[in-house]
Amino acid sequence: MAVSVKRALKTLGDDFVVINAEGHILGRLSSIIAKRLLNGEKIVVVNAEKAIVTGDREMVFQRYKEKYDRGSKEKGPYFPRHPEKLFKRTVRGMLPWKSRRGREAYRRLRVFMGVPEELKDKEFEIVEQALYEKVCKTDKFVTVAEICEYLGYKFRGA
């Protein structure tokens, strides 16, 4: 899926924060981002595929596979396999999605795999409360990229 980065960033305007998700715990980072979106911030997340989900590898895979297999192909609910969409879906679960306020907050979020050329010169923010090295004592974790590969996403060029 080719995303026009220029168009996606143009809709946000110039006053947005860029967060690097590499080495951050997915749930903690998502909850912090959701809170900031509700406060009116515009946020761009890069390196979404390098976010971390803690837990036993097989247990994490099984939990995401159950979510992916839920429903039917015709009616849904549909669970994303793409790392960008999986990250956005995690943030969406922490927003009041069924209210106008939640949907407007969700529209202020952009998520990218890797770092787009347009954002290479920007300064990235690191969220200390969600950083894996600062928070976790376990060595059991899986990246979002590994989860998406398990669900059937095929990375191009990798």
N, C-alpha and C. Protein backbone atom coordinates (compact mmCIF):
# COMPACT_ATOMS: atom_id res chain seq x y z
N MET A 1 0.84 -1.17 0.00
CA MET A 1 0.00 0.00 0.00
C MET A 1 0.89 1.24 0.00
N ALA A 2 0.83 1.99 -1.07
CA ALA A 2 1.65 3.19 -1.18
C ALA A 2 0.92 4.36 -0.54
N VAL A 3 1.54 4.94 0.44
CA VAL A 3 0.95 6.07 1.14
C VAL A 3 1.70 7.32 0.70
N SER A 4 0.97 8.32 0.28
CA SER A 4 1.59 9.59 -0.08
C SER A 4 1.93 10.32 1.21
N VAL A 5 3.20 10.30 1.56
CA VAL A 5 3.64 10.90 2.81
C VAL A 5 3.42 12.40 2.80
N LYS A 6 3.71 13.04 1.68
CA LYS A 6 3.52 14.50 1.60
C LYS A 6 2.06 14.87 1.84
N ARG A 7 1.15 14.12 1.20
CA ARG A 7 -0.27 14.42 1.36
C ARG A 7 -0.73 14.16 2.79
N ALA A 8 -0.25 13.08 3.39
CA ALA A 8 -0.63 12.75 4.76
C ALA A 8 -0.15 13.81 5.75
N LEU A 9 1.05 14.31 5.53
CA LEU A 9 1.60 15.33 6.43
C LEU A 9 0.99 16.71 6.16
N LYS A 10 0.62 16.96 4.90
CA LYS A 10 0.01 18.26 4.56
C LYS A 10 -1.33 18.43 5.27
N THR A 11 -2.07 17.34 5.45
CA THR A 11 -3.37 17.44 6.11
C THR A 11 -3.23 17.77 7.59
N LEU A 12 -2.05 17.47 8.17
CA LEU A 12 -1.83 17.78 9.59
C LEU A 12 -1.40 19.23 9.80
N GLY A 13 -0.75 19.82 8.81
CA GLY A 13 -0.20 21.15 8.99
C GLY A 13 1.26 21.07 9.40
N ASP A 14 1.77 22.14 10.00
CA ASP A 14 3.19 22.18 10.36
C ASP A 14 3.47 21.87 11.83
N ASP A 15 2.49 22.04 12.67
CA ASP A 15 2.72 21.91 14.11
C ASP A 15 2.37 20.51 14.61
N PHE A 16 3.25 19.53 14.30
CA PHE A 16 3.03 18.17 14.78
C PHE A 16 4.29 17.64 15.45
N VAL A 17 4.10 16.64 16.30
CA VAL A 17 5.18 16.02 17.03
C VAL A 17 5.51 14.69 16.36
N VAL A 18 6.79 14.37 16.19
CA VAL A 18 7.20 13.10 15.60
C VAL A 18 7.75 12.21 16.71
N ILE A 19 7.14 11.03 16.87
CA ILE A 19 7.57 10.08 17.90
C ILE A 19 8.17 8.86 17.22
N ASN A 20 9.35 8.46 17.68
CA ASN A 20 10.00 7.25 17.17
C ASN A 20 9.57 6.08 18.04
N ALA A 21 8.88 5.09 17.46
CA ALA A 21 8.34 3.96 18.22
C ALA A 21 9.36 2.85 18.45
N GLU A 22 10.54 2.98 17.91
CA GLU A 22 11.55 1.93 18.03
C GLU A 22 11.94 1.72 19.49
N GLY A 23 11.81 0.48 19.97
CA GLY A 23 12.19 0.15 21.34
C GLY A 23 11.17 0.53 22.39
N HIS A 24 9.98 0.96 21.98
CA HIS A 24 8.92 1.31 22.92
C HIS A 24 7.93 0.16 23.04
N ILE A 25 7.31 0.03 24.20
CA ILE A 25 6.28 -0.98 24.41
C ILE A 25 4.98 -0.46 23.79
N LEU A 26 4.38 -1.29 22.95
CA LEU A 26 3.23 -0.87 22.14
C LEU A 26 2.07 -0.34 22.98
N GLY A 27 1.65 -1.06 23.99
CA GLY A 27 0.49 -0.65 24.78
C GLY A 27 0.73 0.63 25.57
N ARG A 28 1.88 0.74 26.19
CA ARG A 28 2.19 1.95 26.97
C ARG A 28 2.30 3.17 26.06
N LEU A 29 2.98 3.00 24.93
CA LEU A 29 3.12 4.12 23.99
C LEU A 29 1.77 4.52 23.42
N SER A 30 0.93 3.54 23.10
CA SER A 30 -0.39 3.83 22.54
C SER A 30 -1.27 4.59 23.51
N SER A 31 -1.22 4.23 24.78
CA SER A 31 -2.05 4.92 25.76
C SER A 31 -1.59 6.37 25.95
N ILE A 32 -0.29 6.59 25.93
CA ILE A 32 0.24 7.95 26.06
C ILE A 32 -0.12 8.78 24.83
N ILE A 33 0.01 8.17 23.65
CA ILE A 33 -0.36 8.87 22.41
C ILE A 33 -1.85 9.20 22.40
N ALA A 34 -2.68 8.25 22.84
CA ALA A 34 -4.14 8.47 22.86
C ALA A 34 -4.49 9.65 23.76
N LYS A 35 -3.87 9.72 24.92
CA LYS A 35 -4.14 10.82 25.84
C LYS A 35 -3.74 12.15 25.22
N ARG A 36 -2.59 12.18 24.56
CA ARG A 36 -2.12 13.42 23.95
C ARG A 36 -2.99 13.82 22.76
N LEU A 37 -3.49 12.84 22.01
CA LEU A 37 -4.39 13.14 20.90
C LEU A 37 -5.68 13.76 21.41
N LEU A 38 -6.20 13.25 22.53
CA LEU A 38 -7.42 13.79 23.11
C LEU A 38 -7.22 15.22 23.61
N ASN A 39 -5.98 15.56 23.94
CA ASN A 39 -5.67 16.92 24.37
C ASN A 39 -5.46 17.87 23.19
N GLY A 40 -5.57 17.36 21.96
CA GLY A 40 -5.50 18.21 20.78
C GLY A 40 -4.18 18.22 20.04
N GLU A 41 -3.21 17.41 20.45
CA GLU A 41 -1.94 17.37 19.75
C GLU A 41 -2.06 16.63 18.43
N LYS A 42 -1.20 16.98 17.48
CA LYS A 42 -1.10 16.25 16.22
C LYS A 42 0.19 15.44 16.30
N ILE A 43 0.07 14.13 16.07
CA ILE A 43 1.21 13.24 16.30
C ILE A 43 1.48 12.39 15.06
N VAL A 44 2.76 12.27 14.71
CA VAL A 44 3.23 11.39 13.65
C VAL A 44 4.14 10.36 14.31
N VAL A 45 3.90 9.08 14.04
CA VAL A 45 4.71 8.00 14.61
C VAL A 45 5.51 7.37 13.47
N VAL A 46 6.82 7.22 13.68
CA VAL A 46 7.69 6.56 12.70
C VAL A 46 8.25 5.28 13.32
N ASN A 47 8.72 4.37 12.48
CA ASN A 47 9.25 3.06 12.90
C ASN A 47 8.21 2.26 13.68
N ALA A 48 6.98 2.24 13.19
CA ALA A 48 5.90 1.54 13.89
C ALA A 48 6.16 0.04 13.97
N GLU A 49 6.85 -0.51 12.97
CA GLU A 49 7.10 -1.95 12.95
C GLU A 49 8.12 -2.39 14.00
N LYS A 50 8.82 -1.44 14.61
CA LYS A 50 9.84 -1.77 15.61
C LYS A 50 9.36 -1.60 17.04
N ALA A 51 8.06 -1.35 17.22
CA ALA A 51 7.49 -1.29 18.57
C ALA A 51 7.47 -2.71 19.13
N ILE A 52 7.41 -2.83 20.46
CA ILE A 52 7.56 -4.12 21.14
C ILE A 52 6.28 -4.49 21.88
N VAL A 53 5.94 -5.78 21.80
CA VAL A 53 4.87 -6.34 22.62
C VAL A 53 5.53 -7.35 23.56
N THR A 54 5.39 -7.14 24.86
CA THR A 54 6.05 -8.04 25.81
C THR A 54 5.20 -9.28 26.05
N GLY A 55 5.87 -10.35 26.42
CA GLY A 55 5.18 -11.60 26.71
C GLY A 55 5.85 -12.75 25.97
N ASP A 56 5.45 -13.96 26.32
CA ASP A 56 5.96 -15.15 25.66
C ASP A 56 5.59 -15.11 24.18
N ARG A 57 6.54 -15.43 23.34
CA ARG A 57 6.38 -15.33 21.89
C ARG A 57 5.13 -16.07 21.38
N GLU A 58 4.98 -17.31 21.76
CA GLU A 58 3.84 -18.12 21.29
C GLU A 58 2.52 -17.58 21.82
N MET A 59 2.52 -17.10 23.06
CA MET A 59 1.29 -16.55 23.65
C MET A 59 0.85 -15.28 22.91
N VAL A 60 1.82 -14.41 22.60
CA VAL A 60 1.51 -13.17 21.88
C VAL A 60 0.98 -13.50 20.49
N PHE A 61 1.64 -14.42 19.79
CA PHE A 61 1.18 -14.81 18.46
C PHE A 61 -0.23 -15.39 18.51
N GLN A 62 -0.50 -16.23 19.50
CA GLN A 62 -1.82 -16.85 19.62
C GLN A 62 -2.91 -15.79 19.87
N ARG A 63 -2.59 -14.81 20.74
CA ARG A 63 -3.57 -13.76 21.05
C ARG A 63 -3.91 -12.93 19.82
N TYR A 64 -2.91 -12.55 19.02
CA TYR A 64 -3.16 -11.77 17.82
C TYR A 64 -3.83 -12.61 16.73
N LYS A 65 -3.49 -13.89 16.65
CA LYS A 65 -4.11 -14.77 15.66
C LYS A 65 -5.61 -14.93 15.95
N GLU A 66 -5.98 -15.03 17.24
CA GLU A 66 -7.39 -15.12 17.61
C GLU A 66 -8.14 -13.86 17.19
N LYS A 67 -7.53 -12.69 17.37
CA LYS A 67 -8.17 -11.44 16.95
C LYS A 67 -8.32 -11.40 15.44
N TYR A 68 -7.29 -11.87 14.74
CA TYR A 68 -7.32 -11.84 13.28
C TYR A 68 -8.37 -12.80 12.72
N ASP A 69 -8.54 -13.97 13.32
CA ASP A 69 -9.47 -14.99 12.83
C ASP A 69 -10.92 -14.72 13.24
N ARG A 70 -11.14 -13.79 14.14
CA ARG A 70 -12.48 -13.50 14.63
C ARG A 70 -13.38 -12.98 13.51
N GLY A 71 -14.63 -13.36 13.51
CA GLY A 71 -15.57 -12.85 12.51
C GLY A 71 -15.49 -13.63 11.21
N SER A 72 -16.12 -13.07 10.19
CA SER A 72 -16.12 -13.71 8.88
C SER A 72 -15.49 -12.78 7.85
N LYS A 73 -15.14 -13.34 6.71
CA LYS A 73 -14.51 -12.54 5.65
C LYS A 73 -15.49 -11.54 5.04
N GLU A 74 -16.78 -11.88 5.08
CA GLU A 74 -17.78 -11.00 4.47
C GLU A 74 -18.18 -9.86 5.41
N LYS A 75 -18.41 -10.18 6.68
CA LYS A 75 -18.98 -9.19 7.60
C LYS A 75 -17.98 -8.56 8.56
N GLY A 76 -16.86 -9.21 8.79
CA GLY A 76 -15.90 -8.66 9.75
C GLY A 76 -16.19 -9.12 11.15
N PRO A 77 -15.61 -8.59 12.18
CA PRO A 77 -14.69 -7.46 12.20
C PRO A 77 -13.34 -7.80 11.56
N TYR A 78 -12.76 -6.83 10.92
CA TYR A 78 -11.50 -7.03 10.23
C TYR A 78 -10.36 -6.54 11.11
N PHE A 79 -9.34 -7.37 11.26
CA PHE A 79 -8.18 -7.01 12.08
C PHE A 79 -6.99 -6.84 11.13
N PRO A 80 -6.23 -5.76 11.28
CA PRO A 80 -5.16 -5.46 10.31
C PRO A 80 -3.96 -6.38 10.43
N ARG A 81 -3.30 -6.61 9.27
CA ARG A 81 -2.05 -7.34 9.23
C ARG A 81 -0.87 -6.41 9.01
N HIS A 82 -1.13 -5.23 8.51
CA HIS A 82 -0.10 -4.26 8.18
C HIS A 82 0.38 -3.57 9.46
N PRO A 83 1.71 -3.43 9.67
CA PRO A 83 2.23 -2.83 10.92
C PRO A 83 1.69 -1.44 11.21
N GLU A 84 1.58 -0.59 10.19
CA GLU A 84 1.05 0.77 10.42
C GLU A 84 -0.38 0.71 10.92
N LYS A 85 -1.18 -0.12 10.28
CA LYS A 85 -2.59 -0.22 10.64
C LYS A 85 -2.77 -0.90 11.99
N LEU A 86 -1.92 -1.87 12.31
CA LEU A 86 -2.01 -2.54 13.62
C LEU A 86 -1.70 -1.55 14.73
N PHE A 87 -0.71 -0.69 14.51
CA PHE A 87 -0.37 0.34 15.50
C PHE A 87 -1.53 1.30 15.68
N LYS A 88 -2.10 1.78 14.55
CA LYS A 88 -3.23 2.70 14.63
C LYS A 88 -4.42 2.06 15.32
N ARG A 89 -4.65 0.78 15.06
CA ARG A 89 -5.77 0.07 15.68
C ARG A 89 -5.59 -0.02 17.19
N THR A 90 -4.34 -0.20 17.63
CA THR A 90 -4.05 -0.25 19.06
C THR A 90 -4.36 1.10 19.72
N VAL A 91 -3.97 2.18 19.06
CA VAL A 91 -4.28 3.51 19.59
C VAL A 91 -5.78 3.74 19.57
N ARG A 92 -6.44 3.31 18.50
CA ARG A 92 -7.89 3.49 18.38
C ARG A 92 -8.64 2.81 19.52
N GLY A 93 -8.13 1.67 19.98
CA GLY A 93 -8.77 0.96 21.08
C GLY A 93 -8.70 1.73 22.39
N MET A 94 -7.83 2.71 22.47
CA MET A 94 -7.68 3.49 23.69
C MET A 94 -8.33 4.87 23.58
N LEU A 95 -9.02 5.10 22.49
CA LEU A 95 -9.77 6.35 22.29
C LEU A 95 -11.26 6.06 22.40
N PRO A 96 -12.05 7.07 22.78
CA PRO A 96 -13.51 6.89 22.77
C PRO A 96 -14.02 6.94 21.33
N TRP A 97 -13.80 5.86 20.59
CA TRP A 97 -14.00 5.78 19.15
C TRP A 97 -15.43 6.10 18.71
N LYS A 98 -16.41 5.79 19.55
CA LYS A 98 -17.80 5.98 19.14
C LYS A 98 -18.30 7.41 19.39
N SER A 99 -17.45 8.28 19.87
CA SER A 99 -17.85 9.68 20.05
C SER A 99 -17.12 10.55 19.03
N ARG A 100 -17.67 11.70 18.80
CA ARG A 100 -17.08 12.63 17.84
C ARG A 100 -15.67 13.05 18.28
N ARG A 101 -15.51 13.26 19.56
CA ARG A 101 -14.23 13.69 20.12
C ARG A 101 -13.14 12.64 19.85
N GLY A 102 -13.49 11.36 20.01
CA GLY A 102 -12.53 10.29 19.78
C GLY A 102 -12.14 10.15 18.33
N ARG A 103 -13.11 10.27 17.43
CA ARG A 103 -12.82 10.16 16.00
C ARG A 103 -11.98 11.34 15.51
N GLU A 104 -12.25 12.52 16.04
CA GLU A 104 -11.43 13.68 15.66
C GLU A 104 -10.00 13.55 16.18
N ALA A 105 -9.86 12.99 17.36
CA ALA A 105 -8.51 12.75 17.90
C ALA A 105 -7.77 11.73 17.03
N TYR A 106 -8.48 10.70 16.60
CA TYR A 106 -7.89 9.65 15.76
C TYR A 106 -7.41 10.21 14.42
N ARG A 107 -8.10 11.20 13.91
CA ARG A 107 -7.72 11.82 12.63
C ARG A 107 -6.45 12.65 12.75
N ARG A 108 -6.04 12.97 13.95
CA ARG A 108 -4.81 13.74 14.15
C ARG A 108 -3.57 12.85 14.26
N LEU A 109 -3.73 11.55 14.01
CA LEU A 109 -2.63 10.59 14.13
C LEU A 109 -2.21 10.10 12.75
N ARG A 110 -0.90 10.08 12.48
CA ARG A 110 -0.35 9.48 11.27
C ARG A 110 0.73 8.51 11.72
N VAL A 111 0.76 7.33 11.09
CA VAL A 111 1.73 6.29 11.45
C VAL A 111 2.44 5.83 10.19
N PHE A 112 3.76 5.67 10.27
CA PHE A 112 4.56 5.23 9.13
C PHE A 112 5.51 4.10 9.54
N MET A 113 5.76 3.21 8.59
CA MET A 113 6.81 2.21 8.75
C MET A 113 8.12 2.88 8.35
N GLY A 114 9.16 2.64 9.13
CA GLY A 114 10.43 3.28 8.82
C GLY A 114 10.35 4.78 9.02
N VAL A 115 11.31 5.49 8.44
CA VAL A 115 11.32 6.95 8.53
C VAL A 115 11.21 7.50 7.11
N PRO A 116 10.11 8.17 6.76
CA PRO A 116 9.97 8.75 5.42
C PRO A 116 11.01 9.85 5.18
N GLU A 117 11.34 10.05 3.92
CA GLU A 117 12.33 11.06 3.54
C GLU A 117 11.96 12.45 4.06
N GLU A 118 10.67 12.77 4.05
CA GLU A 118 10.21 14.09 4.47
C GLU A 118 10.44 14.36 5.95
N LEU A 119 10.63 13.28 6.75
CA LEU A 119 10.78 13.45 8.20
C LEU A 119 12.20 13.18 8.69
N LYS A 120 13.14 12.94 7.78
CA LYS A 120 14.51 12.60 8.20
C LYS A 120 15.19 13.74 8.95
N ASP A 121 14.89 14.99 8.59
CA ASP A 121 15.55 16.13 9.23
C ASP A 121 14.83 16.58 10.50
N LYS A 122 13.65 16.04 10.79
CA LYS A 122 12.91 16.40 12.00
C LYS A 122 13.54 15.73 13.22
N GLU A 123 13.32 16.33 14.37
CA GLU A 123 13.79 15.73 15.62
C GLU A 123 12.72 14.80 16.17
N PHE A 124 13.13 13.59 16.54
CA PHE A 124 12.18 12.60 17.04
C PHE A 124 12.09 12.67 18.55
N GLU A 125 10.89 12.49 19.04
CA GLU A 125 10.65 12.46 20.49
C GLU A 125 10.67 11.01 20.96
N ILE A 126 11.25 10.79 22.13
CA ILE A 126 11.25 9.47 22.74
C ILE A 126 10.45 9.57 24.04
N VAL A 127 9.49 8.67 24.21
CA VAL A 127 8.63 8.69 25.39
C VAL A 127 9.26 7.79 26.45
N GLU A 128 9.79 8.41 27.50
CA GLU A 128 10.53 7.67 28.53
C GLU A 128 9.66 6.65 29.27
N GLN A 129 8.37 6.98 29.51
CA GLN A 129 7.50 6.08 30.27
C GLN A 129 7.18 4.80 29.51
N ALA A 130 7.41 4.77 28.20
CA ALA A 130 7.08 3.60 27.39
C ALA A 130 8.32 2.89 26.85
N LEU A 131 9.50 3.38 27.20
CA LEU A 131 10.73 2.80 26.68
C LEU A 131 11.00 1.44 27.32
N TYR A 132 11.28 0.45 26.51
CA TYR A 132 11.45 -0.93 26.97
C TYR A 132 12.56 -1.05 28.02
N GLU A 133 13.70 -0.43 27.78
CA GLU A 133 14.83 -0.55 28.71
C GLU A 133 14.53 0.05 30.08
N LYS A 134 13.70 1.09 30.10
CA LYS A 134 13.40 1.78 31.36
C LYS A 134 12.32 1.08 32.17
N VAL A 135 11.40 0.37 31.48
CA VAL A 135 10.20 -0.13 32.15
C VAL A 135 10.26 -1.62 32.44
N CYS A 136 10.77 -2.41 31.51
CA CYS A 136 10.64 -3.87 31.60
C CYS A 136 11.89 -4.56 32.14
N LYS A 137 11.63 -5.64 32.84
CA LYS A 137 12.74 -6.46 33.34
C LYS A 137 12.79 -7.81 32.61
N THR A 138 11.83 -8.06 31.73
CA THR A 138 11.75 -9.35 31.05
C THR A 138 12.53 -9.32 29.73
N ASP A 139 12.95 -10.50 29.31
CA ASP A 139 13.62 -10.59 28.02
C ASP A 139 12.71 -11.25 26.98
N LYS A 140 11.44 -11.45 27.34
CA LYS A 140 10.48 -12.04 26.43
C LYS A 140 9.69 -10.93 25.75
N PHE A 141 9.91 -10.76 24.45
CA PHE A 141 9.16 -9.76 23.71
C PHE A 141 9.15 -10.11 22.23
N VAL A 142 8.22 -9.51 21.51
CA VAL A 142 8.05 -9.69 20.08
C VAL A 142 7.85 -8.31 19.47
N THR A 143 8.42 -8.07 18.29
CA THR A 143 8.19 -6.79 17.63
C THR A 143 6.88 -6.85 16.83
N VAL A 144 6.36 -5.69 16.50
CA VAL A 144 5.13 -5.62 15.70
C VAL A 144 5.37 -6.24 14.33
N ALA A 145 6.58 -6.07 13.78
CA ALA A 145 6.90 -6.65 12.47
C ALA A 145 6.79 -8.17 12.51
N GLU A 146 7.26 -8.80 13.59
CA GLU A 146 7.17 -10.26 13.70
C GLU A 146 5.73 -10.72 13.82
N ILE A 147 4.91 -9.96 14.55
CA ILE A 147 3.48 -10.30 14.68
C ILE A 147 2.81 -10.23 13.31
N CYS A 148 3.10 -9.17 12.56
CA CYS A 148 2.48 -8.99 11.25
C CYS A 148 2.92 -10.07 10.27
N GLU A 149 4.19 -10.45 10.32
CA GLU A 149 4.66 -11.55 9.48
C GLU A 149 3.93 -12.85 9.83
N TYR A 150 3.70 -13.09 11.11
CA TYR A 150 2.98 -14.28 11.55
C TYR A 150 1.54 -14.27 11.05
N LEU A 151 0.92 -13.09 11.00
CA LEU A 151 -0.46 -12.97 10.53
C LEU A 151 -0.56 -13.05 9.00
N GLY A 152 0.58 -12.96 8.31
CA GLY A 152 0.56 -13.13 6.86
C GLY A 152 0.98 -11.92 6.06
N TYR A 153 1.44 -10.86 6.70
CA TYR A 153 1.90 -9.69 5.98
C TYR A 153 3.27 -9.98 5.36
N LYS A 154 3.44 -9.59 4.11
CA LYS A 154 4.71 -9.83 3.42
C LYS A 154 5.43 -8.49 3.25
N PHE A 155 6.57 -8.35 3.91
CA PHE A 155 7.35 -7.12 3.81
C PHE A 155 8.02 -7.07 2.44
N ARG A 156 7.88 -5.95 1.76
CA ARG A 156 8.54 -5.78 0.46
C ARG A 156 9.96 -5.30 0.68
N GLY A 157 10.88 -5.88 -0.05
CA GLY A 157 12.26 -5.44 0.01
C GLY A 157 13.02 -5.95 1.22
N ALA A 158 12.40 -6.77 2.05
CA ALA A 158 13.09 -7.27 3.24
C ALA A 158 13.53 -8.70 3.05
